[in-house]
Amino acid sequence: VSKGSGFVAFSTREEASQALTEMNGKMMSGKPLYVAFAQRKEERKAMLQAQFSQMHPVPMTPFYGSSPSHVPSYGSSWG
């Protein structure tokens, strides 16, 4: 039973890069191929965390103080 994944060894890094460029995203059996250089699980996790951090940066200036008077705080009642 195939899990739909595999590894290919190339003679040179240039050949591997060309295959990655040409094949990543190509449709096969109605699904896009995902082609990437092999990575250890820890390396991939670190790379994904770095990408996420760049896409969702933490605000540099945190908010200090209470909420404005016109915005009710949780549990307060209007009236």
PDB file of N, CA and C in Angstrom:
ATOM      1  N   VAL A   1       0.851  -1.179   0.000  1.00  0.00           N
ATOM      2  CA  VAL A   1       0.000   0.000   0.000  1.00  0.00           C
ATOM      3  C   VAL A   1       0.893   1.236   0.000  1.00  0.00           C
ATOM      4  N   SER A   2       0.696   2.124  -0.937  1.00  0.00           N
ATOM      5  CA  SER A   2       1.507   3.330  -1.059  1.00  0.00           C
ATOM      6  C   SER A   2       0.968   4.432  -0.160  1.00  0.00           C
ATOM      7  N   LYS A   3       1.874   5.133   0.490  1.00  0.00           N
ATOM      8  CA  LYS A   3       1.490   6.299   1.293  1.00  0.00           C
ATOM      9  C   LYS A   3       1.544   7.570   0.456  1.00  0.00           C
ATOM     10  N   GLY A   4       1.894   7.404  -0.817  1.00  0.00           N
ATOM     11  CA  GLY A   4       1.924   8.559  -1.705  1.00  0.00           C
ATOM     12  C   GLY A   4       3.163   9.404  -1.562  1.00  0.00           C
ATOM     13  N   SER A   5       4.248   8.836  -1.065  1.00  0.00           N
ATOM     14  CA  SER A   5       5.485   9.597  -0.947  1.00  0.00           C
ATOM     15  C   SER A   5       6.654   8.728  -1.364  1.00  0.00           C
ATOM     16  N   GLY A   6       7.768   9.379  -1.648  1.00  0.00           N
ATOM     17  CA  GLY A   6       8.950   8.640  -2.048  1.00  0.00           C
ATOM     18  C   GLY A   6      10.168   9.533  -2.048  1.00  0.00           C
ATOM     19  N   PHE A   7      11.312   8.924  -2.243  1.00  0.00           N
ATOM     20  CA  PHE A   7      12.576   9.643  -2.288  1.00  0.00           C
ATOM     21  C   PHE A   7      13.271   9.321  -3.596  1.00  0.00           C
ATOM     22  N   VAL A   8      13.951  10.313  -4.164  1.00  0.00           N
ATOM     23  CA  VAL A   8      14.709  10.139  -5.397  1.00  0.00           C
ATOM     24  C   VAL A   8      16.111  10.665  -5.152  1.00  0.00           C
ATOM     25  N   ALA A   9      17.128   9.889  -5.538  1.00  0.00           N
ATOM     26  CA  ALA A   9      18.522  10.319  -5.421  1.00  0.00           C
ATOM     27  C   ALA A   9      19.008  10.788  -6.789  1.00  0.00           C
ATOM     28  N   PHE A  10      19.596  11.970  -6.846  1.00  0.00           N
ATOM     29  CA  PHE A  10      20.120  12.527  -8.088  1.00  0.00           C
ATOM     30  C   PHE A  10      21.641  12.490  -8.063  1.00  0.00           C
ATOM     31  N   SER A  11      22.246  12.541  -9.240  1.00  0.00           N
ATOM     32  CA  SER A  11      23.709  12.512  -9.349  1.00  0.00           C
ATOM     33  C   SER A  11      24.339  13.802  -8.855  1.00  0.00           C
ATOM     34  N   THR A  12      23.661  14.928  -9.119  1.00  0.00           N
ATOM     35  CA  THR A  12      24.214  16.225  -8.712  1.00  0.00           C
ATOM     36  C   THR A  12      23.136  17.064  -8.035  1.00  0.00           C
ATOM     37  N   ARG A  13      23.590  18.038  -7.273  1.00  0.00           N
ATOM     38  CA  ARG A  13      22.650  18.958  -6.622  1.00  0.00           C
ATOM     39  C   ARG A  13      21.903  19.783  -7.673  1.00  0.00           C
ATOM     40  N   GLU A  14      22.578  20.095  -8.776  1.00  0.00           N
ATOM     41  CA  GLU A  14      21.941  20.864  -9.847  1.00  0.00           C
ATOM     42  C   GLU A  14      20.757  20.100 -10.440  1.00  0.00           C
ATOM     43  N   GLU A  15      20.935  18.793 -10.661  1.00  0.00           N
ATOM     44  CA  GLU A  15      19.829  17.980 -11.172  1.00  0.00           C
ATOM     45  C   GLU A  15      18.672  17.954 -10.178  1.00  0.00           C
ATOM     46  N   ALA A  16      19.002  17.837  -8.913  1.00  0.00           N
ATOM     47  CA  ALA A  16      17.959  17.819  -7.881  1.00  0.00           C
ATOM     48  C   ALA A  16      17.218  19.150  -7.844  1.00  0.00           C
ATOM     49  N   SER A  17      17.952  20.254  -7.938  1.00  0.00           N
ATOM     50  CA  SER A  17      17.328  21.582  -7.931  1.00  0.00           C
ATOM     51  C   SER A  17      16.422  21.767  -9.137  1.00  0.00           C
ATOM     52  N   GLN A  18      16.876  21.282 -10.297  1.00  0.00           N
ATOM     53  CA  GLN A  18      16.062  21.394 -11.507  1.00  0.00           C
ATOM     54  C   GLN A  18      14.771  20.589 -11.364  1.00  0.00           C
ATOM     55  N   ALA A  19      14.870  19.383 -10.834  1.00  0.00           N
ATOM     56  CA  ALA A  19      13.678  18.553 -10.634  1.00  0.00           C
ATOM     57  C   ALA A  19      12.716  19.222  -9.660  1.00  0.00           C
ATOM     58  N   LEU A  20      13.252  19.802  -8.603  1.00  0.00           N
ATOM     59  CA  LEU A  20      12.414  20.484  -7.621  1.00  0.00           C
ATOM     60  C   LEU A  20      11.669  21.638  -8.288  1.00  0.00           C
ATOM     61  N   THR A  21      12.402  22.450  -9.045  1.00  0.00           N
ATOM     62  CA  THR A  21      11.800  23.607  -9.709  1.00  0.00           C
ATOM     63  C   THR A  21      10.732  23.190 -10.716  1.00  0.00           C
ATOM     64  N   GLU A  22      11.028  22.161 -11.496  1.00  0.00           N
ATOM     65  CA  GLU A  22      10.110  21.760 -12.564  1.00  0.00           C
ATOM     66  C   GLU A  22       8.918  20.948 -12.074  1.00  0.00           C
ATOM     67  N   MET A  23       9.082  20.187 -11.003  1.00  0.00           N
ATOM     68  CA  MET A  23       8.027  19.257 -10.597  1.00  0.00           C
ATOM     69  C   MET A  23       7.169  19.721  -9.421  1.00  0.00           C
ATOM     70  N   ASN A  24       7.681  20.596  -8.578  1.00  0.00           N
ATOM     71  CA  ASN A  24       6.900  21.034  -7.421  1.00  0.00           C
ATOM     72  C   ASN A  24       5.646  21.763  -7.890  1.00  0.00           C
ATOM     73  N   GLY A  25       4.509  21.322  -7.430  1.00  0.00           N
ATOM     74  CA  GLY A  25       3.235  21.933  -7.796  1.00  0.00           C
ATOM     75  C   GLY A  25       2.565  21.327  -9.018  1.00  0.00           C
ATOM     76  N   LYS A  26       3.277  20.473  -9.770  1.00  0.00           N
ATOM     77  CA  LYS A  26       2.662  19.808 -10.931  1.00  0.00           C
ATOM     78  C   LYS A  26       1.522  18.919 -10.450  1.00  0.00           C
ATOM     79  N   MET A  27       0.486  18.829 -11.254  1.00  0.00           N
ATOM     80  CA  MET A  27      -0.665  18.010 -10.892  1.00  0.00           C
ATOM     81  C   MET A  27      -0.427  16.556 -11.293  1.00  0.00           C
ATOM     82  N   MET A  28      -0.749  15.649 -10.383  1.00  0.00           N
ATOM     83  CA  MET A  28      -0.662  14.219 -10.652  1.00  0.00           C
ATOM     84  C   MET A  28      -1.855  13.558  -9.991  1.00  0.00           C
ATOM     85  N   SER A  29      -2.646  12.867 -10.775  1.00  0.00           N
ATOM     86  CA  SER A  29      -3.868  12.221 -10.285  1.00  0.00           C
ATOM     87  C   SER A  29      -4.769  13.218  -9.558  1.00  0.00           C
ATOM     88  N   GLY A  30      -4.821  14.438 -10.096  1.00  0.00           N
ATOM     89  CA  GLY A  30      -5.698  15.457  -9.537  1.00  0.00           C
ATOM     90  C   GLY A  30      -5.178  16.150  -8.290  1.00  0.00           C
ATOM     91  N   LYS A  31      -3.922  15.886  -7.921  1.00  0.00           N
ATOM     92  CA  LYS A  31      -3.354  16.514  -6.725  1.00  0.00           C
ATOM     93  C   LYS A  31      -2.011  17.138  -7.070  1.00  0.00           C
ATOM     94  N   PRO A  32      -1.689  18.284  -6.443  1.00  0.00           N
ATOM     95  CA  PRO A  32      -0.389  18.897  -6.719  1.00  0.00           C
ATOM     96  C   PRO A  32       0.734  18.128  -6.021  1.00  0.00           C
ATOM     97  N   LEU A  33       1.848  17.947  -6.740  1.00  0.00           N
ATOM     98  CA  LEU A  33       3.017  17.306  -6.143  1.00  0.00           C
ATOM     99  C   LEU A  33       3.709  18.273  -5.195  1.00  0.00           C
ATOM    100  N   TYR A  34       4.203  17.762  -4.097  1.00  0.00           N
ATOM    101  CA  TYR A  34       5.051  18.537  -3.193  1.00  0.00           C
ATOM    102  C   TYR A  34       6.442  17.943  -3.317  1.00  0.00           C
ATOM    103  N   VAL A  35       7.385  18.732  -3.832  1.00  0.00           N
ATOM    104  CA  VAL A  35       8.753  18.270  -4.036  1.00  0.00           C
ATOM    105  C   VAL A  35       9.673  19.161  -3.224  1.00  0.00           C
ATOM    106  N   ALA A  36      10.531  18.545  -2.416  1.00  0.00           N
ATOM    107  CA  ALA A  36      11.461  19.308  -1.583  1.00  0.00           C
ATOM    108  C   ALA A  36      12.690  18.459  -1.309  1.00  0.00           C
ATOM    109  N   PHE A  37      13.765  19.125  -0.902  1.00  0.00           N
ATOM    110  CA  PHE A  37      14.954  18.393  -0.481  1.00  0.00           C
ATOM    111  C   PHE A  37      14.628  17.655   0.808  1.00  0.00           C
ATOM    112  N   ALA A  38      15.186  16.470   0.968  1.00  0.00           N
ATOM    113  CA  ALA A  38      14.958  15.684   2.185  1.00  0.00           C
ATOM    114  C   ALA A  38      15.533  16.432   3.386  1.00  0.00           C
ATOM    115  N   GLN A  39      14.796  16.394   4.496  1.00  0.00           N
ATOM    116  CA  GLN A  39      15.227  17.038   5.738  1.00  0.00           C
ATOM    117  C   GLN A  39      14.912  16.120   6.900  1.00  0.00           C
ATOM    118  N   ARG A  40      15.712  16.236   7.942  1.00  0.00           N
ATOM    119  CA  ARG A  40      15.389  15.535   9.181  1.00  0.00           C
ATOM    120  C   ARG A  40      14.167  16.224   9.790  1.00  0.00           C
ATOM    121  N   LYS A  41      13.415  15.481  10.580  1.00  0.00           N
ATOM    122  CA  LYS A  41      12.185  16.001  11.179  1.00  0.00           C
ATOM    123  C   LYS A  41      12.456  17.283  11.972  1.00  0.00           C
ATOM    124  N   GLU A  42      13.546  17.304  12.727  1.00  0.00           N
ATOM    125  CA  GLU A  42      13.879  18.476  13.545  1.00  0.00           C
ATOM    126  C   GLU A  42      14.179  19.692  12.664  1.00  0.00           C
ATOM    127  N   GLU A  43      14.895  19.459  11.546  1.00  0.00           N
ATOM    128  CA  GLU A  43      15.219  20.558  10.634  1.00  0.00           C
ATOM    129  C   GLU A  43      13.944  21.137  10.020  1.00  0.00           C
ATOM    130  N   ARG A  44      13.055  20.259   9.588  1.00  0.00           N
ATOM    131  CA  ARG A  44      11.798  20.714   8.976  1.00  0.00           C
ATOM    132  C   ARG A  44      10.961  21.493   9.982  1.00  0.00           C
ATOM    133  N   LYS A  45      10.891  21.006  11.217  1.00  0.00           N
ATOM    134  CA  LYS A  45      10.117  21.689  12.255  1.00  0.00           C
ATOM    135  C   LYS A  45      10.680  23.086  12.504  1.00  0.00           C
ATOM    136  N   ALA A  46      12.005  23.201  12.592  1.00  0.00           N
ATOM    137  CA  ALA A  46      12.636  24.502  12.821  1.00  0.00           C
ATOM    138  C   ALA A  46      12.368  25.449  11.653  1.00  0.00           C
ATOM    139  N   MET A  47      12.433  24.940  10.425  1.00  0.00           N
ATOM    140  CA  MET A  47      12.181  25.759   9.250  1.00  0.00           C
ATOM    141  C   MET A  47      10.738  26.262   9.239  1.00  0.00           C
ATOM    142  N   LEU A  48       9.785  25.384   9.540  1.00  0.00           N
ATOM    143  CA  LEU A  48       8.376  25.784   9.557  1.00  0.00           C
ATOM    144  C   LEU A  48       8.105  26.812  10.649  1.00  0.00           C
ATOM    145  N   GLN A  49       8.738  26.649  11.813  1.00  0.00           N
ATOM    146  CA  GLN A  49       8.562  27.627  12.888  1.00  0.00           C
ATOM    147  C   GLN A  49       9.115  28.984  12.478  1.00  0.00           C
ATOM    148  N   ALA A  50      10.264  28.994  11.798  1.00  0.00           N
ATOM    149  CA  ALA A  50      10.853  30.252  11.336  1.00  0.00           C
ATOM    150  C   ALA A  50       9.947  30.924  10.310  1.00  0.00           C
ATOM    151  N   GLN A  51       9.389  30.147   9.382  1.00  0.00           N
ATOM    152  CA  GLN A  51       8.479  30.705   8.386  1.00  0.00           C
ATOM    153  C   GLN A  51       7.231  31.271   9.052  1.00  0.00           C
ATOM    154  N   PHE A  52       6.689  30.564  10.035  1.00  0.00           N
ATOM    155  CA  PHE A  52       5.501  31.027  10.738  1.00  0.00           C
ATOM    156  C   PHE A  52       5.796  32.336  11.468  1.00  0.00           C
ATOM    157  N   SER A  53       6.970  32.416  12.101  1.00  0.00           N
ATOM    158  CA  SER A  53       7.348  33.628  12.830  1.00  0.00           C
ATOM    159  C   SER A  53       7.446  34.827  11.899  1.00  0.00           C
ATOM    160  N   GLN A  54       7.939  34.609  10.684  1.00  0.00           N
ATOM    161  CA  GLN A  54       8.047  35.704   9.724  1.00  0.00           C
ATOM    162  C   GLN A  54       6.675  36.144   9.227  1.00  0.00           C
ATOM    163  N   MET A  55       5.755  35.202   9.091  1.00  0.00           N
ATOM    164  CA  MET A  55       4.419  35.527   8.599  1.00  0.00           C
ATOM    165  C   MET A  55       3.540  36.138   9.687  1.00  0.00           C
ATOM    166  N   HIS A  56       3.789  35.789  10.940  1.00  0.00           N
ATOM    167  CA  HIS A  56       2.973  36.252  12.060  1.00  0.00           C
ATOM    168  C   HIS A  56       3.879  36.827  13.147  1.00  0.00           C
ATOM    169  N   PRO A  57       4.451  38.009  12.888  1.00  0.00           N
ATOM    170  CA  PRO A  57       5.375  38.567  13.888  1.00  0.00           C
ATOM    171  C   PRO A  57       4.653  38.957  15.174  1.00  0.00           C
ATOM    172  N   VAL A  58       5.360  38.860  16.266  1.00  0.00           N
ATOM    173  CA  VAL A  58       4.833  39.252  17.571  1.00  0.00           C
ATOM    174  C   VAL A  58       4.896  40.771  17.644  1.00  0.00           C
ATOM    175  N   PRO A  59       3.839  41.431  18.121  1.00  0.00           N
ATOM    176  CA  PRO A  59       3.876  42.893  18.227  1.00  0.00           C
ATOM    177  C   PRO A  59       5.065  43.347  19.072  1.00  0.00           C
ATOM    178  N   MET A  60       5.731  44.399  18.608  1.00  0.00           N
ATOM    179  CA  MET A  60       6.919  44.880  19.306  1.00  0.00           C
ATOM    180  C   MET A  60       6.564  45.688  20.551  1.00  0.00           C
ATOM    181  N   THR A  61       5.425  46.367  20.545  1.00  0.00           N
ATOM    182  CA  THR A  61       5.044  47.171  21.699  1.00  0.00           C
ATOM    183  C   THR A  61       3.779  46.593  22.318  1.00  0.00           C
ATOM    184  N   PRO A  62       3.910  45.902  23.427  1.00  0.00           N
ATOM    185  CA  PRO A  62       2.727  45.324  24.070  1.00  0.00           C
ATOM    186  C   PRO A  62       1.836  46.415  24.654  1.00  0.00           C
ATOM    187  N   PHE A  63       0.561  46.113  24.784  1.00  0.00           N
ATOM    188  CA  PHE A  63      -0.397  47.050  25.354  1.00  0.00           C
ATOM    189  C   PHE A  63      -0.329  46.976  26.870  1.00  0.00           C
ATOM    190  N   TYR A  64      -0.162  48.116  27.500  1.00  0.00           N
ATOM    191  CA  TYR A  64      -0.160  48.199  28.962  1.00  0.00           C
ATOM    192  C   TYR A  64      -1.279  49.133  29.385  1.00  0.00           C
ATOM    193  N   GLY A  65      -1.951  48.801  30.461  1.00  0.00           N
ATOM    194  CA  GLY A  65      -3.002  49.662  30.964  1.00  0.00           C
ATOM    195  C   GLY A  65      -4.354  48.990  30.888  1.00  0.00           C
ATOM    196  N   SER A  66      -5.378  49.730  31.252  1.00  0.00           N
ATOM    197  CA  SER A  66      -6.724  49.173  31.250  1.00  0.00           C
ATOM    198  C   SER A  66      -7.395  49.475  29.921  1.00  0.00           C
ATOM    199  N   SER A  67      -8.512  48.813  29.690  1.00  0.00           N
ATOM    200  CA  SER A  67      -9.237  49.039  28.449  1.00  0.00           C
ATOM    201  C   SER A  67      -9.902  50.409  28.494  1.00  0.00           C
ATOM    202  N   PRO A  68     -10.161  50.987  27.340  1.00  0.00           N
ATOM    203  CA  PRO A  68     -10.830  52.291  27.311  1.00  0.00           C
ATOM    204  C   PRO A  68     -12.185  52.226  28.016  1.00  0.00           C
ATOM    205  N   SER A  69     -12.632  53.349  28.551  1.00  0.00           N
ATOM    206  CA  SER A  69     -13.852  53.371  29.353  1.00  0.00           C
ATOM    207  C   SER A  69     -15.097  53.000  28.550  1.00  0.00           C
ATOM    208  N   HIS A  70     -15.084  53.197  27.247  1.00  0.00           N
ATOM    209  CA  HIS A  70     -16.267  52.878  26.444  1.00  0.00           C
ATOM    210  C   HIS A  70     -16.345  51.400  26.064  1.00  0.00           C
ATOM    211  N   VAL A  71     -15.323  50.615  26.377  1.00  0.00           N
ATOM    212  CA  VAL A  71     -15.325  49.189  26.066  1.00  0.00           C
ATOM    213  C   VAL A  71     -15.515  48.422  27.369  1.00  0.00           C
ATOM    214  N   PRO A  72     -16.623  47.683  27.512  1.00  0.00           N
ATOM    215  CA  PRO A  72     -16.844  46.955  28.766  1.00  0.00           C
ATOM    216  C   PRO A  72     -15.840  45.815  28.917  1.00  0.00           C
ATOM    217  N   SER A  73     -15.421  45.573  30.130  1.00  0.00           N
ATOM    218  CA  SER A  73     -14.534  44.442  30.375  1.00  0.00           C
ATOM    219  C   SER A  73     -15.374  43.193  30.564  1.00  0.00           C
ATOM    220  N   TYR A  74     -14.765  42.041  30.454  1.00  0.00           N
ATOM    221  CA  TYR A  74     -15.469  40.762  30.566  1.00  0.00           C
ATOM    222  C   TYR A  74     -16.177  40.680  31.913  1.00  0.00           C
ATOM    223  N   GLY A  75     -17.428  40.337  31.897  1.00  0.00           N
ATOM    224  CA  GLY A  75     -18.183  40.143  33.126  1.00  0.00           C
ATOM    225  C   GLY A  75     -18.869  41.396  33.639  1.00  0.00           C
ATOM    226  N   SER A  76     -18.566  42.544  33.056  1.00  0.00           N
ATOM    227  CA  SER A  76     -19.237  43.752  33.536  1.00  0.00           C
ATOM    228  C   SER A  76     -20.599  43.869  32.867  1.00  0.00           C
ATOM    229  N   SER A  77     -21.454  44.619  33.466  1.00  0.00           N
ATOM    230  CA  SER A  77     -22.793  44.768  32.895  1.00  0.00           C
ATOM    231  C   SER A  77     -22.989  46.199  32.430  1.00  0.00           C
ATOM    232  N   TRP A  78     -23.795  46.339  31.408  1.00  0.00           N
ATOM    233  CA  TRP A  78     -24.144  47.672  30.919  1.00  0.00           C
ATOM    234  C   TRP A  78     -25.300  48.181  31.770  1.00  0.00           C
ATOM    235  N   GLY A  79     -25.204  49.329  32.216  1.00  0.00           N
ATOM    236  CA  GLY A  79     -26.370  49.833  32.891  1.00  0.00           C
ATOM    237  C   GLY A  79     -26.063  50.528  34.094  1.00  0.00           C
TER     238      GLY A  79
END
